[in-house]
């Protein structure tokens, strides 16, 4: 529990600093590097590369090495932050909105998250959480993203097998356990959005799938280097450019992808290209409610 609590406190501090900062004119590279540096300065490590997903991109965009994409007036920026202490992960996100037209949509996701967290306790059904999230977002005039969900967390595992839906799901569901941590993360889009995300072409977050030798000695050395630093947690190319020249690094990662030692996470894009917002906390349920470790 101590690892979760410490990770949550750091994640919360870093998120609130990101919420208050004016990001227009900053590159995504500068934002990612700044947030990740703050995590390390506080004595923890990023649990995954900071996601800086703009506008219709819902999730899974992190900065490329020296990424020059710049935040502009009118943009909606989702900053999704993971922090770990000895592998115990806190996952949290904030939407920074530079278009007043979408301010209420941000509030809808945050209101849905607040109510989901308020009702969560041991034995609360995941499907009931989804029903509450969908109800609030819909009532406020927006659409939940139905194929994105929250998730259970385990040591060194971000997506540990259980999903917390953002819509009401029929059929069997599971009750929350007091021995597990869960990320709850409502995503919302406009009424004319599809309410479903699809895979985009960009893939710049990676994770190890297998440590089986690839039969390429240089690629295998890189694989062991990644494992020693990040274990099963996701990583970004820009984390490795201090040790490898970028072009060579991209070639070796391509080899590891082909050999299925490494997998890539594609960016997730709203199906109709509409704006997306996100809010997220990590909780540990108890009998009378939940400890919001990122609160």
C-alpha atoms as a PDB file:
ATOM      1  CA  UNK A   1       0.000   0.000   0.000  1.00  0.00           C
ATOM      2  CA  UNK A   2       2.833   2.410   0.826  1.00  0.00           C
ATOM      3  CA  UNK A   3       4.203   2.198  -2.719  1.00  0.00           C
ATOM      4  CA  UNK A   4       0.775   2.984  -4.179  1.00  0.00           C
ATOM      5  CA  UNK A   5       0.243   5.902  -1.795  1.00  0.00           C
ATOM      6  CA  UNK A   6       3.630   7.442  -2.527  1.00  0.00           C
ATOM      7  CA  UNK A   7       3.196   6.998  -6.289  1.00  0.00           C
ATOM      8  CA  UNK A   8      -0.284   8.514  -6.047  1.00  0.00           C
ATOM      9  CA  UNK A   9       0.869  11.546  -4.100  1.00  0.00           C
ATOM     10  CA  UNK A  10       3.616  12.270  -6.644  1.00  0.00           C
ATOM     11  CA  UNK A  11       1.270  11.687  -9.598  1.00  0.00           C
ATOM     12  CA  UNK A  12      -1.264  14.086  -8.088  1.00  0.00           C
ATOM     13  CA  UNK A  13       1.316  16.828  -7.491  1.00  0.00           C
ATOM     14  CA  UNK A  14       2.704  16.539 -11.025  1.00  0.00           C
ATOM     15  CA  UNK A  15      -0.789  16.439 -12.579  1.00  0.00           C
ATOM     16  CA  UNK A  16      -1.910  19.571 -10.774  1.00  0.00           C
ATOM     17  CA  UNK A  17       1.211  21.404 -11.862  1.00  0.00           C
ATOM     18  CA  UNK A  18       0.469  20.343 -15.464  1.00  0.00           C
ATOM     19  CA  UNK A  19      -3.161  21.460 -15.083  1.00  0.00           C
ATOM     20  CA  UNK A  20      -2.156  24.969 -13.978  1.00  0.00           C
ATOM     21  CA  UNK A  21       0.637  25.535 -16.479  1.00  0.00           C
ATOM     22  CA  UNK A  22      -0.043  27.424 -19.734  1.00  0.00           C
ATOM     23  CA  UNK A  23       1.083  25.013 -22.462  1.00  0.00           C
ATOM     24  CA  UNK A  24       0.281  27.033 -25.614  1.00  0.00           C
ATOM     25  CA  UNK A  25       3.552  27.535 -27.490  1.00  0.00           C
ATOM     26  CA  UNK A  26       5.230  24.531 -25.826  1.00  0.00           C
ATOM     27  CA  UNK A  27       6.206  21.484 -27.867  1.00  0.00           C
ATOM     28  CA  UNK A  28       4.920  18.062 -26.864  1.00  0.00           C
ATOM     29  CA  UNK A  29       8.560  17.062 -26.363  1.00  0.00           C
ATOM     30  CA  UNK A  30       9.032  19.861 -23.818  1.00  0.00           C
ATOM     31  CA  UNK A  31       5.833  18.897 -21.966  1.00  0.00           C
ATOM     32  CA  UNK A  32       6.675  15.170 -21.784  1.00  0.00           C
ATOM     33  CA  UNK A  33      10.262  15.767 -20.726  1.00  0.00           C
ATOM     34  CA  UNK A  34       9.226  18.324 -18.102  1.00  0.00           C
ATOM     35  CA  UNK A  35       6.552  16.116 -16.516  1.00  0.00           C
ATOM     36  CA  UNK A  36       8.795  13.042 -16.506  1.00  0.00           C
ATOM     37  CA  UNK A  37      11.655  15.063 -14.971  1.00  0.00           C
ATOM     38  CA  UNK A  38       9.366  16.221 -12.165  1.00  0.00           C
ATOM     39  CA  UNK A  39       8.424  12.588 -11.418  1.00  0.00           C
ATOM     40  CA  UNK A  40      12.085  11.594 -11.191  1.00  0.00           C
ATOM     41  CA  UNK A  41      12.994  14.640  -9.086  1.00  0.00           C
ATOM     42  CA  UNK A  42      10.380  13.509  -6.552  1.00  0.00           C
ATOM     43  CA  UNK A  43      12.041  10.102  -6.239  1.00  0.00           C
ATOM     44  CA  UNK A  44       9.783   7.976  -8.439  1.00  0.00           C
ATOM     45  CA  UNK A  45       9.821   6.812 -12.084  1.00  0.00           C
ATOM     46  CA  UNK A  46       7.340   7.217 -14.946  1.00  0.00           C
ATOM     47  CA  UNK A  47       5.188   4.078 -15.220  1.00  0.00           C
ATOM     48  CA  UNK A  48       4.800   4.824 -18.931  1.00  0.00           C
ATOM     49  CA  UNK A  49       5.790   7.659 -21.266  1.00  0.00           C
ATOM     50  CA  UNK A  50       3.638  10.700 -20.541  1.00  0.00           C
ATOM     51  CA  UNK A  51       0.777  10.772 -23.065  1.00  0.00           C
ATOM     52  CA  UNK A  52       0.177  14.169 -24.683  1.00  0.00           C
ATOM     53  CA  UNK A  53      -2.792  13.476 -26.938  1.00  0.00           C
ATOM     54  CA  UNK A  54      -4.221  16.418 -28.867  1.00  0.00           C
ATOM     55  CA  UNK A  55      -7.803  17.026 -30.019  1.00  0.00           C
ATOM     56  CA  UNK A  56      -9.280  13.946 -31.769  1.00  0.00           C
ATOM     57  CA  UNK A  57      -6.439  11.713 -30.491  1.00  0.00           C
ATOM     58  CA  UNK A  58      -7.832  10.140 -27.327  1.00  0.00           C
ATOM     59  CA  UNK A  59      -4.715   8.392 -26.048  1.00  0.00           C
ATOM     60  CA  UNK A  60      -1.297   6.824 -26.630  1.00  0.00           C
ATOM     61  CA  UNK A  61       0.569   9.728 -28.213  1.00  0.00           C
ATOM     62  CA  UNK A  62       3.881  10.528 -26.579  1.00  0.00           C
ATOM     63  CA  UNK A  63       6.532  12.846 -27.926  1.00  0.00           C
ATOM     64  CA  UNK A  64       8.990  11.603 -30.507  1.00  0.00           C
ATOM     65  CA  UNK A  65      12.664  12.495 -29.927  1.00  0.00           C
ATOM     66  CA  UNK A  66      12.798  16.313 -30.345  1.00  0.00           C
ATOM     67  CA  UNK A  67       9.091  16.358 -31.314  1.00  0.00           C
ATOM     68  CA  UNK A  68       8.227  19.809 -32.683  1.00  0.00           C
ATOM     69  CA  UNK A  69       4.407  19.496 -32.542  1.00  0.00           C
ATOM     70  CA  UNK A  70       3.345  22.600 -30.615  1.00  0.00           C
ATOM     71  CA  UNK A  71       0.224  23.224 -28.525  1.00  0.00           C
ATOM     72  CA  UNK A  72      -1.911  25.991 -30.077  1.00  0.00           C
ATOM     73  CA  UNK A  73      -4.870  28.103 -29.009  1.00  0.00           C
ATOM     74  CA  UNK A  74      -8.026  26.051 -29.654  1.00  0.00           C
ATOM     75  CA  UNK A  75      -6.332  22.741 -28.814  1.00  0.00           C
ATOM     76  CA  UNK A  76      -7.546  20.169 -26.312  1.00  0.00           C
ATOM     77  CA  UNK A  77      -4.579  18.492 -24.626  1.00  0.00           C
ATOM     78  CA  UNK A  78      -4.910  15.290 -22.605  1.00  0.00           C
ATOM     79  CA  UNK A  79      -1.944  14.771 -20.267  1.00  0.00           C
ATOM     80  CA  UNK A  80      -1.970  11.174 -19.000  1.00  0.00           C
ATOM     81  CA  UNK A  81       0.607  10.478 -16.291  1.00  0.00           C
ATOM     82  CA  UNK A  82       1.803   7.221 -14.769  1.00  0.00           C
ATOM     83  CA  UNK A  83       4.081   7.072 -11.739  1.00  0.00           C
ATOM     84  CA  UNK A  84       5.564   4.001 -10.118  1.00  0.00           C
ATOM     85  CA  UNK A  85       7.389   3.336  -6.876  1.00  0.00           C
ATOM     86  CA  UNK A  86       8.942  -0.155  -6.863  1.00  0.00           C
ATOM     87  CA  UNK A  87       6.461  -1.102  -9.606  1.00  0.00           C
ATOM     88  CA  UNK A  88       3.361   0.095  -7.723  1.00  0.00           C
ATOM     89  CA  UNK A  89       1.562   2.333 -10.204  1.00  0.00           C
ATOM     90  CA  UNK A  90      -0.598   5.442  -9.937  1.00  0.00           C
ATOM     91  CA  UNK A  91      -2.332   6.423 -13.188  1.00  0.00           C
ATOM     92  CA  UNK A  92      -4.000   9.830 -13.565  1.00  0.00           C
ATOM     93  CA  UNK A  93      -4.933  12.275 -16.314  1.00  0.00           C
ATOM     94  CA  UNK A  94      -6.094  15.836 -16.854  1.00  0.00           C
ATOM     95  CA  UNK A  95      -7.512  17.609 -19.905  1.00  0.00           C
ATOM     96  CA  UNK A  96      -6.214  21.127 -20.512  1.00  0.00           C
ATOM     97  CA  UNK A  97      -8.641  22.929 -22.816  1.00  0.00           C
ATOM     98  CA  UNK A  98      -7.739  25.997 -24.885  1.00  0.00           C
ATOM     99  CA  UNK A  99     -11.115  26.246 -26.634  1.00  0.00           C
ATOM    100  CA  UNK A 100     -13.928  27.568 -24.375  1.00  0.00           C
ATOM    101  CA  UNK A 101     -16.461  25.761 -26.567  1.00  0.00           C
ATOM    102  CA  UNK A 102     -15.354  22.454 -25.032  1.00  0.00           C
ATOM    103  CA  UNK A 103     -15.066  23.570 -21.413  1.00  0.00           C
ATOM    104  CA  UNK A 104     -18.355  21.892 -20.461  1.00  0.00           C
ATOM    105  CA  UNK A 105     -17.238  18.640 -22.070  1.00  0.00           C
ATOM    106  CA  UNK A 106     -14.161  18.652 -19.820  1.00  0.00           C
ATOM    107  CA  UNK A 107     -16.472  19.226 -16.839  1.00  0.00           C
ATOM    108  CA  UNK A 108     -18.641  16.280 -17.973  1.00  0.00           C
ATOM    109  CA  UNK A 109     -15.703  13.864 -17.873  1.00  0.00           C
ATOM    110  CA  UNK A 110     -14.583  15.249 -14.508  1.00  0.00           C
ATOM    111  CA  UNK A 111     -18.111  15.037 -13.047  1.00  0.00           C
ATOM    112  CA  UNK A 112     -18.432  11.438 -14.261  1.00  0.00           C
ATOM    113  CA  UNK A 113     -15.096  10.577 -12.660  1.00  0.00           C
ATOM    114  CA  UNK A 114     -16.019  12.259  -9.377  1.00  0.00           C
ATOM    115  CA  UNK A 115     -19.293  10.321  -9.120  1.00  0.00           C
ATOM    116  CA  UNK A 116     -17.654   7.026 -10.125  1.00  0.00           C
ATOM    117  CA  UNK A 117     -15.010   7.493  -7.437  1.00  0.00           C
ATOM    118  CA  UNK A 118     -17.653   8.478  -4.854  1.00  0.00           C
ATOM    119  CA  UNK A 119     -19.674   5.280  -5.402  1.00  0.00           C
ATOM    120  CA  UNK A 120     -16.694   2.896  -5.582  1.00  0.00           C
ATOM    121  CA  UNK A 121     -16.107   0.555  -2.660  1.00  0.00           C
ATOM    122  CA  UNK A 122     -15.482  -3.159  -2.089  1.00  0.00           C
ATOM    123  CA  UNK A 123     -17.995  -5.249  -4.133  1.00  0.00           C
ATOM    124  CA  UNK A 124     -19.189  -2.313  -6.296  1.00  0.00           C
ATOM    125  CA  UNK A 125     -19.847  -3.793  -9.743  1.00  0.00           C
ATOM    126  CA  UNK A 126     -17.697  -2.469 -12.567  1.00  0.00           C
ATOM    127  CA  UNK A 127     -20.812  -2.392 -14.769  1.00  0.00           C
ATOM    128  CA  UNK A 128     -22.531  -0.050 -12.281  1.00  0.00           C
ATOM    129  CA  UNK A 129     -19.571   2.324 -12.463  1.00  0.00           C
ATOM    130  CA  UNK A 130     -19.899   2.299 -16.260  1.00  0.00           C
ATOM    131  CA  UNK A 131     -23.614   3.033 -15.972  1.00  0.00           C
ATOM    132  CA  UNK A 132     -22.959   6.093 -13.785  1.00  0.00           C
ATOM    133  CA  UNK A 133     -20.220   7.390 -16.091  1.00  0.00           C
ATOM    134  CA  UNK A 134     -22.397   6.999 -19.181  1.00  0.00           C
ATOM    135  CA  UNK A 135     -25.396   8.570 -17.450  1.00  0.00           C
ATOM    136  CA  UNK A 136     -23.573  11.732 -16.383  1.00  0.00           C
ATOM    137  CA  UNK A 137     -21.744  12.277 -19.678  1.00  0.00           C
ATOM    138  CA  UNK A 138     -24.941  11.703 -21.678  1.00  0.00           C
ATOM    139  CA  UNK A 139     -27.047  13.908 -19.407  1.00  0.00           C
ATOM    140  CA  UNK A 140     -24.575  16.767 -19.941  1.00  0.00           C
ATOM    141  CA  UNK A 141     -24.973  16.450 -23.715  1.00  0.00           C
ATOM    142  CA  UNK A 142     -21.931  14.386 -24.716  1.00  0.00           C
ATOM    143  CA  UNK A 143     -20.979  10.817 -25.614  1.00  0.00           C
ATOM    144  CA  UNK A 144     -18.753   8.437 -23.648  1.00  0.00           C
ATOM    145  CA  UNK A 145     -16.080   6.590 -25.624  1.00  0.00           C
ATOM    146  CA  UNK A 146     -17.439   3.079 -25.347  1.00  0.00           C
ATOM    147  CA  UNK A 147     -14.336   1.097 -26.343  1.00  0.00           C
ATOM    148  CA  UNK A 148     -12.004   2.800 -23.870  1.00  0.00           C
ATOM    149  CA  UNK A 149     -12.091   1.782 -20.235  1.00  0.00           C
ATOM    150  CA  UNK A 150     -10.404   1.962 -16.882  1.00  0.00           C
ATOM    151  CA  UNK A 151      -8.440  -1.032 -15.652  1.00  0.00           C
ATOM    152  CA  UNK A 152      -7.030  -2.951 -12.746  1.00  0.00           C
ATOM    153  CA  UNK A 153      -3.376  -2.421 -11.840  1.00  0.00           C
ATOM    154  CA  UNK A 154      -0.745  -4.777 -10.459  1.00  0.00           C
ATOM    155  CA  UNK A 155       2.925  -4.408  -9.594  1.00  0.00           C
ATOM    156  CA  UNK A 156       4.737  -3.562 -12.860  1.00  0.00           C
ATOM    157  CA  UNK A 157       1.505  -4.201 -14.825  1.00  0.00           C
ATOM    158  CA  UNK A 158      -0.602  -1.246 -15.986  1.00  0.00           C
ATOM    159  CA  UNK A 159      -3.444  -3.181 -17.604  1.00  0.00           C
ATOM    160  CA  UNK A 160      -3.859  -6.143 -15.265  1.00  0.00           C
ATOM    161  CA  UNK A 161      -6.805  -7.839 -16.951  1.00  0.00           C
ATOM    162  CA  UNK A 162      -9.956  -6.269 -15.490  1.00  0.00           C
ATOM    163  CA  UNK A 163     -11.781  -3.403 -17.234  1.00  0.00           C
ATOM    164  CA  UNK A 164     -13.872  -0.598 -15.714  1.00  0.00           C
ATOM    165  CA  UNK A 165     -16.214   0.386 -18.583  1.00  0.00           C
ATOM    166  CA  UNK A 166     -17.324   3.907 -19.466  1.00  0.00           C
ATOM    167  CA  UNK A 167     -20.772   2.671 -20.506  1.00  0.00           C
ATOM    168  CA  UNK A 168     -23.356   0.370 -18.974  1.00  0.00           C
ATOM    169  CA  UNK A 169     -22.470  -3.198 -19.946  1.00  0.00           C
ATOM    170  CA  UNK A 170     -24.931  -6.070 -19.833  1.00  0.00           C
ATOM    171  CA  UNK A 171     -24.241  -9.540 -18.502  1.00  0.00           C
ATOM    172  CA  UNK A 172     -21.793 -10.623 -15.841  1.00  0.00           C
ATOM    173  CA  UNK A 173     -19.524  -8.119 -14.160  1.00  0.00           C
ATOM    174  CA  UNK A 174     -16.994  -8.257 -11.346  1.00  0.00           C
ATOM    175  CA  UNK A 175     -17.031  -6.592  -7.956  1.00  0.00           C
ATOM    176  CA  UNK A 176     -14.140  -4.382  -6.869  1.00  0.00           C
ATOM    177  CA  UNK A 177     -11.675  -5.954  -4.436  1.00  0.00           C
ATOM    178  CA  UNK A 178      -9.947  -4.237  -1.544  1.00  0.00           C
ATOM    179  CA  UNK A 179      -6.703  -5.959  -2.491  1.00  0.00           C
ATOM    180  CA  UNK A 180      -6.513  -4.340  -5.950  1.00  0.00           C
ATOM    181  CA  UNK A 181      -5.942  -0.873  -7.369  1.00  0.00           C
ATOM    182  CA  UNK A 182      -8.086   0.409 -10.241  1.00  0.00           C
ATOM    183  CA  UNK A 183      -7.757   3.288 -12.670  1.00  0.00           C
ATOM    184  CA  UNK A 184     -11.109   4.871 -13.546  1.00  0.00           C
ATOM    185  CA  UNK A 185     -10.891   7.046 -16.672  1.00  0.00           C
ATOM    186  CA  UNK A 186     -13.953   8.489 -18.407  1.00  0.00           C
ATOM    187  CA  UNK A 187     -13.410   9.698 -21.976  1.00  0.00           C
ATOM    188  CA  UNK A 188     -16.046  11.879 -23.643  1.00  0.00           C
ATOM    189  CA  UNK A 189     -16.630  13.256 -27.122  1.00  0.00           C
ATOM    190  CA  UNK A 190     -19.223  15.444 -28.812  1.00  0.00           C
ATOM    191  CA  UNK A 191     -22.753  14.309 -29.603  1.00  0.00           C
ATOM    192  CA  UNK A 192     -21.840  13.923 -33.287  1.00  0.00           C
ATOM    193  CA  UNK A 193     -18.759  11.855 -32.435  1.00  0.00           C
ATOM    194  CA  UNK A 194     -18.830   8.139 -33.151  1.00  0.00           C
ATOM    195  CA  UNK A 195     -18.139   7.367 -29.497  1.00  0.00           C
ATOM    196  CA  UNK A 196     -15.606   4.740 -30.573  1.00  0.00           C
ATOM    197  CA  UNK A 197     -11.854   5.084 -31.117  1.00  0.00           C
ATOM    198  CA  UNK A 198      -9.872   3.411 -33.863  1.00  0.00           C
ATOM    199  CA  UNK A 199      -6.170   2.699 -34.174  1.00  0.00           C
ATOM    200  CA  UNK A 200      -4.189   5.487 -35.832  1.00  0.00           C
ATOM    201  CA  UNK A 201      -1.048   5.059 -37.914  1.00  0.00           C
ATOM    202  CA  UNK A 202       1.393   6.517 -35.388  1.00  0.00           C
ATOM    203  CA  UNK A 203       2.949   4.055 -32.927  1.00  0.00           C
ATOM    204  CA  UNK A 204       5.533   5.565 -30.608  1.00  0.00           C
ATOM    205  CA  UNK A 205       4.972   3.770 -27.287  1.00  0.00           C
ATOM    206  CA  UNK A 206       6.375   0.245 -26.949  1.00  0.00           C
ATOM    207  CA  UNK A 207       6.498  -2.611 -24.472  1.00  0.00           C
ATOM    208  CA  UNK A 208       8.381  -5.904 -24.162  1.00  0.00           C
ATOM    209  CA  UNK A 209       6.364  -8.994 -25.130  1.00  0.00           C
ATOM    210  CA  UNK A 210       9.075 -11.654 -25.002  1.00  0.00           C
ATOM    211  CA  UNK A 211      12.745 -11.885 -23.969  1.00  0.00           C
ATOM    212  CA  UNK A 212      13.368 -14.844 -26.268  1.00  0.00           C
ATOM    213  CA  UNK A 213      16.567 -14.177 -28.298  1.00  0.00           C
ATOM    214  CA  UNK A 214      15.835 -12.561 -31.659  1.00  0.00           C
ATOM    215  CA  UNK A 215      19.021 -13.982 -33.257  1.00  0.00           C
ATOM    216  CA  UNK A 216      20.240 -10.428 -33.830  1.00  0.00           C
ATOM    217  CA  UNK A 217      22.936  -9.765 -31.214  1.00  0.00           C
ATOM    218  CA  UNK A 218      22.585  -5.963 -31.304  1.00  0.00           C
ATOM    219  CA  UNK A 219      18.786  -6.176 -31.016  1.00  0.00           C
ATOM    220  CA  UNK A 220      19.127  -8.660 -28.147  1.00  0.00           C
ATOM    221  CA  UNK A 221      21.487  -6.309 -26.298  1.00  0.00           C
ATOM    222  CA  UNK A 222      18.943  -3.511 -26.702  1.00  0.00           C
ATOM    223  CA  UNK A 223      16.185  -5.824 -25.458  1.00  0.00           C
ATOM    224  CA  UNK A 224      18.114  -6.639 -22.281  1.00  0.00           C
ATOM    225  CA  UNK A 225      18.944  -2.947 -21.819  1.00  0.00           C
ATOM    226  CA  UNK A 226      15.210  -2.108 -22.015  1.00  0.00           C
ATOM    227  CA  UNK A 227      14.298  -4.958 -19.646  1.00  0.00           C
ATOM    228  CA  UNK A 228      16.863  -3.836 -17.072  1.00  0.00           C
ATOM    229  CA  UNK A 229      15.431  -0.304 -17.106  1.00  0.00           C
ATOM    230  CA  UNK A 230      11.674  -0.758 -17.627  1.00  0.00           C
ATOM    231  CA  UNK A 231      10.725  -4.445 -17.159  1.00  0.00           C
ATOM    232  CA  UNK A 232       7.161  -4.956 -18.469  1.00  0.00           C
ATOM    233  CA  UNK A 233       6.331  -1.240 -18.410  1.00  0.00           C
ATOM    234  CA  UNK A 234       5.910   0.775 -21.638  1.00  0.00           C
ATOM    235  CA  UNK A 235       8.767   2.898 -22.944  1.00  0.00           C
ATOM    236  CA  UNK A 236       9.434   5.535 -25.600  1.00  0.00           C
ATOM    237  CA  UNK A 237      12.242   5.926 -28.117  1.00  0.00           C
ATOM    238  CA  UNK A 238      13.256   9.272 -26.598  1.00  0.00           C
ATOM    239  CA  UNK A 239      14.080   7.452 -23.359  1.00  0.00           C
ATOM    240  CA  UNK A 240      16.805   5.511 -25.178  1.00  0.00           C
ATOM    241  CA  UNK A 241      18.470   8.164 -27.342  1.00  0.00           C
ATOM    242  CA  UNK A 242      21.069   8.891 -24.640  1.00  0.00           C
ATOM    243  CA  UNK A 243      22.394   5.363 -25.160  1.00  0.00           C
ATOM    244  CA  UNK A 244      21.719   4.806 -28.881  1.00  0.00           C
ATOM    245  CA  UNK A 245      21.870   6.933 -32.021  1.00  0.00           C
ATOM    246  CA  UNK A 246      18.272   7.530 -33.166  1.00  0.00           C
ATOM    247  CA  UNK A 247      18.425   5.982 -36.646  1.00  0.00           C
ATOM    248  CA  UNK A 248      20.134   2.864 -35.275  1.00  0.00           C
ATOM    249  CA  UNK A 249      17.650   2.698 -32.422  1.00  0.00           C
ATOM    250  CA  UNK A 250      14.686   2.804 -34.826  1.00  0.00           C
ATOM    251  CA  UNK A 251      16.232  -0.001 -36.897  1.00  0.00           C
ATOM    252  CA  UNK A 252      16.763  -2.225 -33.844  1.00  0.00           C
ATOM    253  CA  UNK A 253      13.250  -1.577 -32.533  1.00  0.00           C
ATOM    254  CA  UNK A 254      11.892  -2.519 -35.969  1.00  0.00           C
ATOM    255  CA  UNK A 255      13.787  -5.827 -35.713  1.00  0.00           C
ATOM    256  CA  UNK A 256      12.328  -6.475 -32.246  1.00  0.00           C
ATOM    257  CA  UNK A 257       8.824  -5.661 -33.502  1.00  0.00           C
ATOM    258  CA  UNK A 258       9.180  -8.102 -36.416  1.00  0.00           C
ATOM    259  CA  UNK A 259      10.470 -10.814 -34.070  1.00  0.00           C
ATOM    260  CA  UNK A 260       7.552 -10.075 -31.716  1.00  0.00           C
ATOM    261  CA  UNK A 261       9.883  -9.343 -28.792  1.00  0.00           C
ATOM    262  CA  UNK A 262       8.322  -5.890 -28.564  1.00  0.00           C
ATOM    263  CA  UNK A 263       4.808  -4.631 -29.323  1.00  0.00           C
ATOM    264  CA  UNK A 264       3.700  -1.107 -30.206  1.00  0.00           C
ATOM    265  CA  UNK A 265       0.700   0.823 -28.905  1.00  0.00           C
ATOM    266  CA  UNK A 266      -1.006   2.711 -31.769  1.00  0.00           C
ATOM    267  CA  UNK A 267      -2.510   6.108 -31.064  1.00  0.00           C
ATOM    268  CA  UNK A 268      -6.292   5.962 -30.547  1.00  0.00           C
ATOM    269  CA  UNK A 269      -8.340   8.381 -32.644  1.00  0.00           C
ATOM    270  CA  UNK A 270     -12.038   9.279 -32.315  1.00  0.00           C
ATOM    271  CA  UNK A 271     -13.937   7.498 -35.093  1.00  0.00           C
ATOM    272  CA  UNK A 272     -15.521  10.641 -36.551  1.00  0.00           C
ATOM    273  CA  UNK A 273     -12.475  12.802 -35.885  1.00  0.00           C
ATOM    274  CA  UNK A 274     -14.221  14.706 -33.082  1.00  0.00           C
ATOM    275  CA  UNK A 275     -12.619  16.227 -30.003  1.00  0.00           C
ATOM    276  CA  UNK A 276     -12.002  13.945 -27.006  1.00  0.00           C
ATOM    277  CA  UNK A 277     -11.509  14.752 -23.309  1.00  0.00           C
ATOM    278  CA  UNK A 278     -10.337  12.545 -20.442  1.00  0.00           C
ATOM    279  CA  UNK A 279     -10.231  12.508 -16.654  1.00  0.00           C
ATOM    280  CA  UNK A 280      -8.634   9.808 -14.507  1.00  0.00           C
ATOM    281  CA  UNK A 281      -7.887   8.744 -10.938  1.00  0.00           C
ATOM    282  CA  UNK A 282      -6.481   5.584  -9.352  1.00  0.00           C
ATOM    283  CA  UNK A 283      -8.351   4.130  -6.371  1.00  0.00           C
ATOM    284  CA  UNK A 284      -8.062   1.324  -3.842  1.00  0.00           C
ATOM    285  CA  UNK A 285     -11.547   0.291  -2.573  1.00  0.00           C
ATOM    286  CA  UNK A 286     -12.414  -0.258   1.076  1.00  0.00           C
ATOM    287  CA  UNK A 287     -15.647  -1.153   2.912  1.00  0.00           C
ATOM    288  CA  UNK A 288     -16.885   2.432   3.254  1.00  0.00           C
ATOM    289  CA  UNK A 289     -15.614   3.964  -0.006  1.00  0.00           C
ATOM    290  CA  UNK A 290     -12.263   4.154  -1.756  1.00  0.00           C
ATOM    291  CA  UNK A 291      -8.860   5.655  -1.158  1.00  0.00           C
ATOM    292  CA  UNK A 292      -8.223   7.943  -4.137  1.00  0.00           C
ATOM    293  CA  UNK A 293      -4.447   7.643  -4.249  1.00  0.00           C
ATOM    294  CA  UNK A 294      -4.220  10.338  -6.963  1.00  0.00           C
ATOM    295  CA  UNK A 295      -6.692  12.663  -5.237  1.00  0.00           C
END
